[in-house]
PDB file of N, CA and C in Angstrom:
ATOM      1  N   MET A   1       0.805  -1.367  -0.075  1.00  0.00           N
ATOM      2  CA  MET A   1       0.103   0.012  -0.035  1.00  0.00           C
ATOM      3  C   MET A   1       0.906   1.224   0.137  1.00  0.00           C
ATOM      4  N   SER A   2       0.630   1.922  -0.776  1.00  0.00           N
ATOM      5  CA  SER A   2       1.431   3.297  -1.275  1.00  0.00           C
ATOM      6  C   SER A   2       0.811   4.581  -0.051  1.00  0.00           C
ATOM      7  N   ASP A   3       1.644   5.504   0.615  1.00  0.00           N
ATOM      8  CA  ASP A   3       0.919   6.588   1.138  1.00  0.00           C
ATOM      9  C   ASP A   3       0.238   7.574   0.339  1.00  0.00           C
ATOM     10  N   HIS A   4      -0.642   7.730   1.207  1.00  0.00           N
ATOM     11  CA  HIS A   4      -1.799   8.893   0.330  1.00  0.00           C
ATOM     12  C   HIS A   4      -1.613  10.169   1.104  1.00  0.00           C
ATOM     13  N   VAL A   5      -1.989  11.150   0.406  1.00  0.00           N
ATOM     14  CA  VAL A   5      -2.355  12.453   0.813  1.00  0.00           C
ATOM     15  C   VAL A   5      -3.626  12.795   0.658  1.00  0.00           C
ATOM     16  N   TYR A   6      -4.395  13.106   1.653  1.00  0.00           N
ATOM     17  CA  TYR A   6      -6.039  13.494   1.491  1.00  0.00           C
ATOM     18  C   TYR A   6      -6.409  15.183   1.674  1.00  0.00           C
ATOM     19  N   LYS A   7      -7.553  15.385   1.265  1.00  0.00           N
ATOM     20  CA  LYS A   7      -8.108  16.508   1.540  1.00  0.00           C
ATOM     21  C   LYS A   7      -9.445  16.613   1.485  1.00  0.00           C
ATOM     22  N   LYS A   8     -10.021  17.737   2.664  1.00  0.00           N
ATOM     23  CA  LYS A   8     -11.495  17.458   2.775  1.00  0.00           C
ATOM     24  C   LYS A   8     -12.086  18.796   2.682  1.00  0.00           C
ATOM     25  N   ILE A   9     -13.411  18.698   2.193  1.00  0.00           N
ATOM     26  CA  ILE A   9     -14.113  19.796   1.885  1.00  0.00           C
ATOM     27  C   ILE A   9     -15.310  19.761   2.586  1.00  0.00           C
ATOM     28  N   GLU A  10     -16.083  20.891   2.970  1.00  0.00           N
ATOM     29  CA  GLU A  10     -17.461  20.999   3.445  1.00  0.00           C
ATOM     30  C   GLU A  10     -18.480  21.272   2.827  1.00  0.00           C
ATOM     31  N   ILE A  11     -19.373  20.562   2.644  1.00  0.00           N
ATOM     32  CA  ILE A  11     -20.621  20.667   1.791  1.00  0.00           C
ATOM     33  C   ILE A  11     -22.104  20.528   2.622  1.00  0.00           C
ATOM     34  N   VAL A  12     -22.964  21.148   1.989  1.00  0.00           N
ATOM     35  CA  VAL A  12     -24.448  20.731   2.805  1.00  0.00           C
ATOM     36  C   VAL A  12     -25.344  20.247   1.731  1.00  0.00           C
ATOM     37  N   GLY A  13     -25.769  19.033   1.834  1.00  0.00           N
ATOM     38  CA  GLY A  13     -26.991  18.385   1.256  1.00  0.00           C
ATOM     39  C   GLY A  13     -28.063  18.337   1.973  1.00  0.00           C
ATOM     40  N   SER A  14     -29.177  18.446   0.700  1.00  0.00           N
ATOM     41  CA  SER A  14     -30.764  18.438   1.370  1.00  0.00           C
ATOM     42  C   SER A  14     -31.544  17.991   0.503  1.00  0.00           C
ATOM     43  N   SER A  15     -32.749  17.727   1.546  1.00  0.00           N
ATOM     44  CA  SER A  15     -33.909  16.730   0.603  1.00  0.00           C
ATOM     45  C   SER A  15     -35.232  17.099   1.550  1.00  0.00           C
ATOM     46  N   GLN A  16     -36.053  16.924   0.655  1.00  0.00           N
ATOM     47  CA  GLN A  16     -37.406  17.117   1.441  1.00  0.00           C
ATOM     48  C   GLN A  16     -38.092  15.801   1.859  1.00  0.00           C
ATOM     49  N   THR A  17     -37.315  14.616   1.530  1.00  0.00           N
ATOM     50  CA  THR A  17     -37.621  13.554   1.898  1.00  0.00           C
ATOM     51  C   THR A  17     -37.089  12.598   3.123  1.00  0.00           C
ATOM     52  N   SER A  18     -35.418  12.756   3.232  1.00  0.00           N
ATOM     53  CA  SER A  18     -34.622  12.408   4.414  1.00  0.00           C
ATOM     54  C   SER A  18     -33.627  12.681   4.624  1.00  0.00           C
ATOM     55  N   ILE A  19     -33.045  12.277   5.970  1.00  0.00           N
ATOM     56  CA  ILE A  19     -31.462  12.644   5.987  1.00  0.00           C
ATOM     57  C   ILE A  19     -30.753  11.854   5.238  1.00  0.00           C
ATOM     58  N   GLU A  20     -31.083  10.775   4.829  1.00  0.00           N
ATOM     59  CA  GLU A  20     -30.110   9.696   4.071  1.00  0.00           C
ATOM     60  C   GLU A  20     -30.137  10.079   2.641  1.00  0.00           C
ATOM     61  N   ASP A  21     -31.268  10.693   2.207  1.00  0.00           N
ATOM     62  CA  ASP A  21     -31.283  11.196   0.838  1.00  0.00           C
ATOM     63  C   ASP A  21     -30.808  12.607   0.772  1.00  0.00           C
ATOM     64  N   ALA A  22     -30.493  13.571   1.592  1.00  0.00           N
ATOM     65  CA  ALA A  22     -29.638  14.558   1.574  1.00  0.00           C
ATOM     66  C   ALA A  22     -28.458  14.153   1.675  1.00  0.00           C
ATOM     67  N   ILE A  23     -27.799  13.124   2.353  1.00  0.00           N
ATOM     68  CA  ILE A  23     -26.467  12.749   2.070  1.00  0.00           C
ATOM     69  C   ILE A  23     -25.962  12.164   0.652  1.00  0.00           C
ATOM     70  N   HIS A  24     -27.020  11.397  -0.025  1.00  0.00           N
ATOM     71  CA  HIS A  24     -26.653  11.010  -0.945  1.00  0.00           C
ATOM     72  C   HIS A  24     -26.778  12.026  -2.126  1.00  0.00           C
ATOM     73  N   ASN A  25     -27.649  12.974  -1.987  1.00  0.00           N
ATOM     74  CA  ASN A  25     -27.402  14.186  -2.812  1.00  0.00           C
ATOM     75  C   ASN A  25     -26.737  14.829  -2.821  1.00  0.00           C
ATOM     76  N   ALA A  26     -25.905  15.134  -1.780  1.00  0.00           N
ATOM     77  CA  ALA A  26     -24.684  15.939  -1.415  1.00  0.00           C
ATOM     78  C   ALA A  26     -23.536  15.239  -2.206  1.00  0.00           C
ATOM     79  N   VAL A  27     -23.261  13.702  -1.756  1.00  0.00           N
ATOM     80  CA  VAL A  27     -22.446  13.035  -2.481  1.00  0.00           C
ATOM     81  C   VAL A  27     -22.402  12.872  -3.759  1.00  0.00           C
ATOM     82  N   ASN A  28     -23.241  12.960  -4.553  1.00  0.00           N
ATOM     83  CA  ASN A  28     -23.965  12.577  -5.842  1.00  0.00           C
ATOM     84  C   ASN A  28     -23.222  14.058  -6.590  1.00  0.00           C
ATOM     85  N   ARG A  29     -23.774  15.017  -6.131  1.00  0.00           N
ATOM     86  CA  ARG A  29     -23.418  16.301  -6.604  1.00  0.00           C
ATOM     87  C   ARG A  29     -21.938  16.669  -6.478  1.00  0.00           C
ATOM     88  N   ALA A  30     -21.413  16.139  -5.492  1.00  0.00           N
ATOM     89  CA  ALA A  30     -20.019  16.610  -5.169  1.00  0.00           C
ATOM     90  C   ALA A  30     -19.244  15.909  -6.131  1.00  0.00           C
ATOM     91  N   GLY A  31     -19.323  14.606  -6.808  1.00  0.00           N
ATOM     92  CA  GLY A  31     -19.053  13.562  -7.273  1.00  0.00           C
ATOM     93  C   GLY A  31     -18.914  13.941  -8.765  1.00  0.00           C
ATOM     94  N   LYS A  32     -19.508  15.309  -9.200  1.00  0.00           N
ATOM     95  CA  LYS A  32     -19.417  15.746 -10.420  1.00  0.00           C
ATOM     96  C   LYS A  32     -18.278  16.365 -10.730  1.00  0.00           C
ATOM     97  N   SER A  33     -17.772  16.828  -9.639  1.00  0.00           N
ATOM     98  CA  SER A  33     -16.592  17.912  -9.961  1.00  0.00           C
ATOM     99  C   SER A  33     -15.092  17.522  -9.044  1.00  0.00           C
ATOM    100  N   VAL A  34     -15.465  16.667  -7.973  1.00  0.00           N
ATOM    101  CA  VAL A  34     -14.359  16.076  -7.082  1.00  0.00           C
ATOM    102  C   VAL A  34     -13.944  14.694  -7.401  1.00  0.00           C
ATOM    103  N   LYS A  35     -12.816  14.361  -7.661  1.00  0.00           N
ATOM    104  CA  LYS A  35     -12.424  12.928  -8.000  1.00  0.00           C
ATOM    105  C   LYS A  35     -11.859  12.540  -6.803  1.00  0.00           C
ATOM    106  N   ASN A  36     -11.882  11.106  -6.794  1.00  0.00           N
ATOM    107  CA  ASN A  36     -10.946  10.524  -6.104  1.00  0.00           C
ATOM    108  C   ASN A  36     -11.491  10.548  -4.549  1.00  0.00           C
ATOM    109  N   MET A  37     -12.885  10.770  -4.578  1.00  0.00           N
ATOM    110  CA  MET A  37     -13.609  10.742  -2.882  1.00  0.00           C
ATOM    111  C   MET A  37     -13.333   9.301  -2.400  1.00  0.00           C
ATOM    112  N   ARG A  38     -13.284   9.373  -1.268  1.00  0.00           N
ATOM    113  CA  ARG A  38     -13.033   8.191  -0.258  1.00  0.00           C
ATOM    114  C   ARG A  38     -13.898   7.991   0.853  1.00  0.00           C
ATOM    115  N   TRP A  39     -14.290   9.091   1.581  1.00  0.00           N
ATOM    116  CA  TRP A  39     -15.285   9.031   2.626  1.00  0.00           C
ATOM    117  C   TRP A  39     -16.090  10.238   2.930  1.00  0.00           C
ATOM    118  N   PHE A  40     -16.916  10.018   3.772  1.00  0.00           N
ATOM    119  CA  PHE A  40     -17.464  11.381   4.420  1.00  0.00           C
ATOM    120  C   PHE A  40     -17.778  11.129   5.719  1.00  0.00           C
ATOM    121  N   GLU A  41     -17.957  12.605   6.574  1.00  0.00           N
ATOM    122  CA  GLU A  41     -18.191  12.552   7.780  1.00  0.00           C
ATOM    123  C   GLU A  41     -19.578  13.416   8.012  1.00  0.00           C
ATOM    124  N   VAL A  42     -20.381  13.090   8.886  1.00  0.00           N
ATOM    125  CA  VAL A  42     -21.734  13.930   9.048  1.00  0.00           C
ATOM    126  C   VAL A  42     -21.295  14.734  10.185  1.00  0.00           C
ATOM    127  N   ASP A  43     -21.331  16.239   9.895  1.00  0.00           N
ATOM    128  CA  ASP A  43     -20.958  16.967  10.895  1.00  0.00           C
ATOM    129  C   ASP A  43     -22.187  17.649  11.557  1.00  0.00           C
ATOM    130  N   GLU A  44     -23.150  17.699  10.850  1.00  0.00           N
ATOM    131  CA  GLU A  44     -24.341  18.161  11.626  1.00  0.00           C
ATOM    132  C   GLU A  44     -25.546  17.782  10.732  1.00  0.00           C
ATOM    133  N   ILE A  45     -26.892  17.904  11.593  1.00  0.00           N
ATOM    134  CA  ILE A  45     -28.064  17.650  10.874  1.00  0.00           C
ATOM    135  C   ILE A  45     -28.896  18.708  11.428  1.00  0.00           C
ATOM    136  N   ARG A  46     -29.658  19.381  10.558  1.00  0.00           N
ATOM    137  CA  ARG A  46     -30.548  20.262  10.882  1.00  0.00           C
ATOM    138  C   ARG A  46     -31.851  20.280   9.834  1.00  0.00           C
ATOM    139  N   GLY A  47     -33.220  21.129  10.044  1.00  0.00           N
ATOM    140  CA  GLY A  47     -34.277  21.017   9.190  1.00  0.00           C
ATOM    141  C   GLY A  47     -34.817  21.961   9.297  1.00  0.00           C
ATOM    142  N   HIS A  48     -35.896  22.486   8.432  1.00  0.00           N
ATOM    143  CA  HIS A  48     -36.777  23.329   8.370  1.00  0.00           C
ATOM    144  C   HIS A  48     -38.276  22.837   8.812  1.00  0.00           C
ATOM    145  N   ILE A  49     -38.739  23.618   9.586  1.00  0.00           N
ATOM    146  CA  ILE A  49     -40.170  23.443  10.167  1.00  0.00           C
ATOM    147  C   ILE A  49     -41.338  24.224   9.398  1.00  0.00           C
ATOM    148  N   ASP A  50     -42.426  23.509   8.730  1.00  0.00           N
ATOM    149  CA  ASP A  50     -43.133  24.381   8.421  1.00  0.00           C
ATOM    150  C   ASP A  50     -44.575  23.731   8.518  1.00  0.00           C
ATOM    151  N   ASP A  51     -45.403  24.830   9.304  1.00  0.00           N
ATOM    152  CA  ASP A  51     -46.750  24.362   9.723  1.00  0.00           C
ATOM    153  C   ASP A  51     -46.505  23.207  10.597  1.00  0.00           C
ATOM    154  N   GLN A  52     -45.715  23.216  11.894  1.00  0.00           N
ATOM    155  CA  GLN A  52     -45.340  22.048  12.783  1.00  0.00           C
ATOM    156  C   GLN A  52     -45.166  20.935  12.030  1.00  0.00           C
ATOM    157  N   LYS A  53     -44.494  20.745  10.918  1.00  0.00           N
ATOM    158  CA  LYS A  53     -44.041  19.494  10.329  1.00  0.00           C
ATOM    159  C   LYS A  53     -42.600  19.703   9.642  1.00  0.00           C
ATOM    160  N   VAL A  54     -41.857  18.574   9.825  1.00  0.00           N
ATOM    161  CA  VAL A  54     -40.667  18.777   9.054  1.00  0.00           C
ATOM    162  C   VAL A  54     -40.923  19.135   7.581  1.00  0.00           C
ATOM    163  N   ALA A  55     -40.283  19.891   7.156  1.00  0.00           N
ATOM    164  CA  ALA A  55     -40.503  20.238   5.566  1.00  0.00           C
ATOM    165  C   ALA A  55     -39.257  20.007   4.993  1.00  0.00           C
ATOM    166  N   HIS A  56     -38.012  20.028   5.637  1.00  0.00           N
ATOM    167  CA  HIS A  56     -36.868  19.932   4.859  1.00  0.00           C
ATOM    168  C   HIS A  56     -35.767  19.424   5.714  1.00  0.00           C
ATOM    169  N   PHE A  57     -34.956  18.489   5.173  1.00  0.00           N
ATOM    170  CA  PHE A  57     -33.290  18.155   6.250  1.00  0.00           C
ATOM    171  C   PHE A  57     -32.445  18.584   5.355  1.00  0.00           C
ATOM    172  N   GLN A  58     -31.236  18.948   5.933  1.00  0.00           N
ATOM    173  CA  GLN A  58     -30.095  19.341   5.763  1.00  0.00           C
ATOM    174  C   GLN A  58     -29.210  18.756   6.354  1.00  0.00           C
ATOM    175  N   VAL A  59     -27.951  18.362   5.834  1.00  0.00           N
ATOM    176  CA  VAL A  59     -27.027  17.463   6.446  1.00  0.00           C
ATOM    177  C   VAL A  59     -25.492  18.415   6.053  1.00  0.00           C
ATOM    178  N   GLY A  60     -24.903  18.690   6.914  1.00  0.00           N
ATOM    179  CA  GLY A  60     -23.591  19.229   6.848  1.00  0.00           C
ATOM    180  C   GLY A  60     -22.864  18.178   6.692  1.00  0.00           C
ATOM    181  N   LEU A  61     -21.609  18.251   5.864  1.00  0.00           N
ATOM    182  CA  LEU A  61     -20.833  16.868   5.316  1.00  0.00           C
ATOM    183  C   LEU A  61     -19.434  17.330   5.378  1.00  0.00           C
ATOM    184  N   LYS A  62     -18.514  16.443   5.536  1.00  0.00           N
ATOM    185  CA  LYS A  62     -17.302  16.672   5.167  1.00  0.00           C
ATOM    186  C   LYS A  62     -16.652  15.519   4.322  1.00  0.00           C
ATOM    187  N   ILE A  63     -16.295  15.731   3.088  1.00  0.00           N
ATOM    188  CA  ILE A  63     -15.983  14.628   2.090  1.00  0.00           C
ATOM    189  C   ILE A  63     -14.369  14.657   1.770  1.00  0.00           C
ATOM    190  N   GLY A  64     -13.922  13.489   2.162  1.00  0.00           N
ATOM    191  CA  GLY A  64     -12.301  13.237   1.929  1.00  0.00           C
ATOM    192  C   GLY A  64     -12.040  12.485   0.729  1.00  0.00           C
ATOM    193  N   PHE A  65     -10.870  13.003   0.270  1.00  0.00           N
ATOM    194  CA  PHE A  65     -10.660  12.700  -1.103  1.00  0.00           C
ATOM    195  C   PHE A  65      -9.015  12.755  -1.316  1.00  0.00           C
ATOM    196  N   THR A  66      -8.637  11.845  -2.179  1.00  0.00           N
ATOM    197  CA  THR A  66      -7.294  11.543  -2.358  1.00  0.00           C
ATOM    198  C   THR A  66      -6.495  12.731  -3.180  1.00  0.00           C
ATOM    199  N   VAL A  67      -5.807  13.475  -2.917  1.00  0.00           N
ATOM    200  CA  VAL A  67      -5.089  14.372  -3.799  1.00  0.00           C
ATOM    201  C   VAL A  67      -4.100  13.613  -4.616  1.00  0.00           C
ATOM    202  N   GLU A  68      -4.142  13.954  -6.008  1.00  0.00           N
ATOM    203  CA  GLU A  68      -3.543  13.100  -6.942  1.00  0.00           C
ATOM    204  C   GLU A  68      -2.189  13.633  -7.359  1.00  0.00           C
ATOM    205  N   ASP A  69      -1.131  12.888  -7.588  1.00  0.00           N
ATOM    206  CA  ASP A  69       0.281  13.176  -7.994  1.00  0.00           C
ATOM    207  C   ASP A  69       0.151  13.759  -9.356  1.00  0.00           C
ATOM    208  N   ARG A  70       0.765  14.934  -9.628  1.00  0.00           N
ATOM    209  CA  ARG A  70       0.869  15.631 -11.007  1.00  0.00           C
ATOM    210  C   ARG A  70       2.051  15.260 -11.713  1.00  0.00           C
TER     211      ARG A  70
END
């Protein structure tokens, strides 16, 4: 196994359906521009309440990815 260097970015995913969907939305969207993603960490979970009901989920994530050699 070779040595790797990693970098982390912070993003927020959202969904009207669930926390899990918010995570999937964030990872899928980040994957369009970030290469070599390896892991994610959930930092925070929050949401929006409308008319006494949960209306929206937001999940703060850190995504780790491998830094490429040039």
